Amino acid sequence: MPKIKTHKASAKRMKLRKSGSLKRRNAYATHLLGGRSSKRKRGARKNELVSSADMDKARLALGLK
């Protein structure tokens, strides 16, 4: 059985935490921000966790499973 390759695009966007969960950047935070409220833009600066529904696919993409 061959080794599972890491999906490099996913590896650049997600980071494994000590607890085993994955950290990711928030979407919609890069451009066309003029029409958005300050509260919405401030919330987009924070990192989020990969949802439990997507965790299996994300871990497989990173070669962790």
N, C-alpha and C. Protein backbone atom coordinates (compact mmCIF):
# COMPACT_ATOMS: atom_id res chain seq x y z
N MET A 1 0.85 -1.18 0.00
CA MET A 1 0.00 0.00 0.00
C MET A 1 0.89 1.25 0.00
N PRO A 2 0.68 2.16 -0.97
CA PRO A 2 1.53 3.35 -1.03
C PRO A 2 1.19 4.35 0.08
N LYS A 3 2.14 5.24 0.32
CA LYS A 3 1.92 6.29 1.32
C LYS A 3 0.92 7.31 0.79
N ILE A 4 0.20 7.95 1.70
CA ILE A 4 -0.74 9.00 1.32
C ILE A 4 0.03 10.30 1.17
N LYS A 5 -0.15 10.95 0.03
CA LYS A 5 0.54 12.22 -0.20
C LYS A 5 -0.23 13.36 0.46
N THR A 6 0.50 14.34 0.95
CA THR A 6 -0.10 15.53 1.54
C THR A 6 -0.60 16.43 0.43
N HIS A 7 -1.82 16.94 0.57
CA HIS A 7 -2.34 17.92 -0.38
C HIS A 7 -1.75 19.27 0.01
N LYS A 8 -0.80 19.76 -0.79
CA LYS A 8 0.01 20.91 -0.40
C LYS A 8 -0.80 22.19 -0.27
N ALA A 9 -1.83 22.38 -1.09
CA ALA A 9 -2.66 23.58 -0.98
C ALA A 9 -3.39 23.60 0.36
N SER A 10 -3.85 22.44 0.80
CA SER A 10 -4.53 22.35 2.09
C SER A 10 -3.55 22.56 3.23
N ALA A 11 -2.34 22.04 3.09
CA ALA A 11 -1.34 22.16 4.14
C ALA A 11 -0.94 23.61 4.37
N LYS A 12 -0.99 24.43 3.31
CA LYS A 12 -0.66 25.84 3.44
C LYS A 12 -1.77 26.63 4.13
N ARG A 13 -2.98 26.10 4.12
CA ARG A 13 -4.14 26.82 4.64
C ARG A 13 -4.60 26.37 6.01
N MET A 14 -4.15 25.21 6.46
CA MET A 14 -4.59 24.68 7.75
C MET A 14 -3.39 24.30 8.60
N LYS A 15 -3.56 24.41 9.92
CA LYS A 15 -2.48 24.07 10.84
C LYS A 15 -3.04 23.16 11.93
N LEU A 16 -2.29 22.13 12.26
CA LEU A 16 -2.70 21.20 13.29
C LEU A 16 -2.41 21.77 14.66
N ARG A 17 -3.39 21.73 15.56
CA ARG A 17 -3.20 22.20 16.93
C ARG A 17 -2.85 21.01 17.82
N LYS A 18 -2.37 21.29 19.03
CA LYS A 18 -1.96 20.22 19.93
C LYS A 18 -3.12 19.31 20.29
N SER A 19 -4.33 19.87 20.32
CA SER A 19 -5.49 19.07 20.69
C SER A 19 -5.91 18.12 19.57
N GLY A 20 -5.33 18.30 18.37
CA GLY A 20 -5.68 17.46 17.23
C GLY A 20 -6.65 18.13 16.29
N SER A 21 -7.19 19.28 16.69
CA SER A 21 -8.10 20.00 15.80
C SER A 21 -7.29 20.81 14.79
N LEU A 22 -7.96 21.30 13.77
CA LEU A 22 -7.29 22.05 12.72
C LEU A 22 -7.74 23.50 12.75
N LYS A 23 -6.77 24.40 12.60
CA LYS A 23 -7.02 25.83 12.59
C LYS A 23 -6.98 26.31 11.15
N ARG A 24 -7.88 27.25 10.81
CA ARG A 24 -7.91 27.79 9.45
C ARG A 24 -8.24 29.27 9.50
N ARG A 25 -7.96 29.96 8.41
CA ARG A 25 -8.31 31.38 8.30
C ARG A 25 -9.76 31.53 7.95
N ASN A 26 -10.32 32.68 8.30
CA ASN A 26 -11.70 32.97 7.97
C ASN A 26 -11.80 33.41 6.51
N ALA A 27 -12.89 33.08 5.86
CA ALA A 27 -13.10 33.46 4.46
C ALA A 27 -13.61 34.89 4.36
N TYR A 28 -13.57 35.45 3.16
CA TYR A 28 -14.11 36.78 2.85
C TYR A 28 -13.42 37.89 3.62
N ALA A 29 -12.11 37.84 3.73
CA ALA A 29 -11.40 38.84 4.53
C ALA A 29 -10.28 39.53 3.75
N THR A 30 -10.24 39.39 2.43
CA THR A 30 -9.08 39.89 1.70
C THR A 30 -9.35 41.16 0.90
N HIS A 31 -10.41 41.22 0.10
CA HIS A 31 -10.64 42.40 -0.73
C HIS A 31 -12.14 42.68 -0.82
N LEU A 32 -12.49 43.82 -1.41
CA LEU A 32 -13.88 44.29 -1.50
C LEU A 32 -14.48 44.44 -0.11
N LEU A 33 -13.73 45.10 0.78
CA LEU A 33 -14.16 45.23 2.17
C LEU A 33 -14.90 46.53 2.45
N GLY A 34 -14.99 47.41 1.45
CA GLY A 34 -15.58 48.72 1.68
C GLY A 34 -17.04 48.67 2.07
N GLY A 35 -17.78 47.72 1.56
CA GLY A 35 -19.21 47.64 1.83
C GLY A 35 -19.56 46.87 3.09
N ARG A 36 -18.57 46.38 3.79
CA ARG A 36 -18.82 45.56 4.97
C ARG A 36 -18.62 46.37 6.24
N SER A 37 -19.36 46.00 7.27
CA SER A 37 -19.27 46.73 8.53
C SER A 37 -17.95 46.42 9.23
N SER A 38 -17.54 47.32 10.12
CA SER A 38 -16.31 47.12 10.87
C SER A 38 -16.39 45.87 11.72
N LYS A 39 -17.56 45.60 12.27
CA LYS A 39 -17.76 44.42 13.11
C LYS A 39 -17.53 43.14 12.30
N ARG A 40 -18.05 43.13 11.08
CA ARG A 40 -17.89 41.95 10.23
C ARG A 40 -16.43 41.75 9.81
N LYS A 41 -15.75 42.85 9.50
CA LYS A 41 -14.34 42.77 9.10
C LYS A 41 -13.46 42.35 10.28
N ARG A 42 -13.77 42.85 11.45
CA ARG A 42 -13.01 42.50 12.66
C ARG A 42 -13.17 41.01 12.97
N GLY A 43 -14.37 40.49 12.81
CA GLY A 43 -14.60 39.08 13.06
C GLY A 43 -13.90 38.18 12.06
N ALA A 44 -13.70 38.69 10.84
CA ALA A 44 -13.04 37.90 9.80
C ALA A 44 -11.54 37.79 10.02
N ARG A 45 -10.98 38.65 10.89
CA ARG A 45 -9.54 38.57 11.16
C ARG A 45 -9.18 37.39 12.05
N LYS A 46 -10.14 36.87 12.78
CA LYS A 46 -9.87 35.79 13.72
C LYS A 46 -9.78 34.45 12.99
N ASN A 47 -9.02 33.55 13.55
CA ASN A 47 -8.95 32.20 13.00
C ASN A 47 -10.13 31.39 13.52
N GLU A 48 -10.48 30.35 12.77
CA GLU A 48 -11.56 29.46 13.17
C GLU A 48 -11.06 28.04 13.11
N LEU A 49 -11.84 27.13 13.68
CA LEU A 49 -11.53 25.71 13.61
C LEU A 49 -12.26 25.10 12.43
N VAL A 50 -11.68 24.08 11.85
CA VAL A 50 -12.36 23.33 10.80
C VAL A 50 -13.53 22.62 11.46
N SER A 51 -14.69 22.68 10.81
CA SER A 51 -15.90 22.11 11.41
C SER A 51 -15.77 20.59 11.51
N SER A 52 -16.53 20.03 12.43
CA SER A 52 -16.47 18.58 12.64
C SER A 52 -16.95 17.82 11.42
N ALA A 53 -17.86 18.42 10.62
CA ALA A 53 -18.36 17.77 9.42
C ALA A 53 -17.26 17.63 8.36
N ASP A 54 -16.32 18.57 8.33
CA ASP A 54 -15.25 18.56 7.33
C ASP A 54 -13.94 17.99 7.86
N MET A 55 -13.90 17.62 9.14
CA MET A 55 -12.64 17.22 9.77
C MET A 55 -12.03 15.99 9.11
N ASP A 56 -12.83 14.98 8.80
CA ASP A 56 -12.30 13.75 8.21
C ASP A 56 -11.65 14.02 6.86
N LYS A 57 -12.32 14.82 6.01
CA LYS A 57 -11.76 15.14 4.70
C LYS A 57 -10.49 15.98 4.82
N ALA A 58 -10.49 16.91 5.76
CA ALA A 58 -9.33 17.78 5.95
C ALA A 58 -8.13 16.97 6.44
N ARG A 59 -8.36 16.08 7.39
CA ARG A 59 -7.26 15.26 7.92
C ARG A 59 -6.72 14.32 6.84
N LEU A 60 -7.59 13.81 5.99
CA LEU A 60 -7.16 12.95 4.89
C LEU A 60 -6.31 13.74 3.89
N ALA A 61 -6.71 14.99 3.61
CA ALA A 61 -5.95 15.83 2.70
C ALA A 61 -4.57 16.14 3.24
N LEU A 62 -4.44 16.22 4.57
CA LEU A 62 -3.15 16.53 5.17
C LEU A 62 -2.31 15.27 5.43
N GLY A 63 -2.87 14.12 5.12
CA GLY A 63 -2.14 12.88 5.32
C GLY A 63 -2.06 12.47 6.78
N LEU A 64 -3.03 12.87 7.59
CA LEU A 64 -3.01 12.58 9.01
C LEU A 64 -3.84 11.35 9.36
N LYS A 65 -4.59 10.82 8.41
CA LYS A 65 -5.48 9.71 8.73
C LYS A 65 -5.00 8.43 8.13
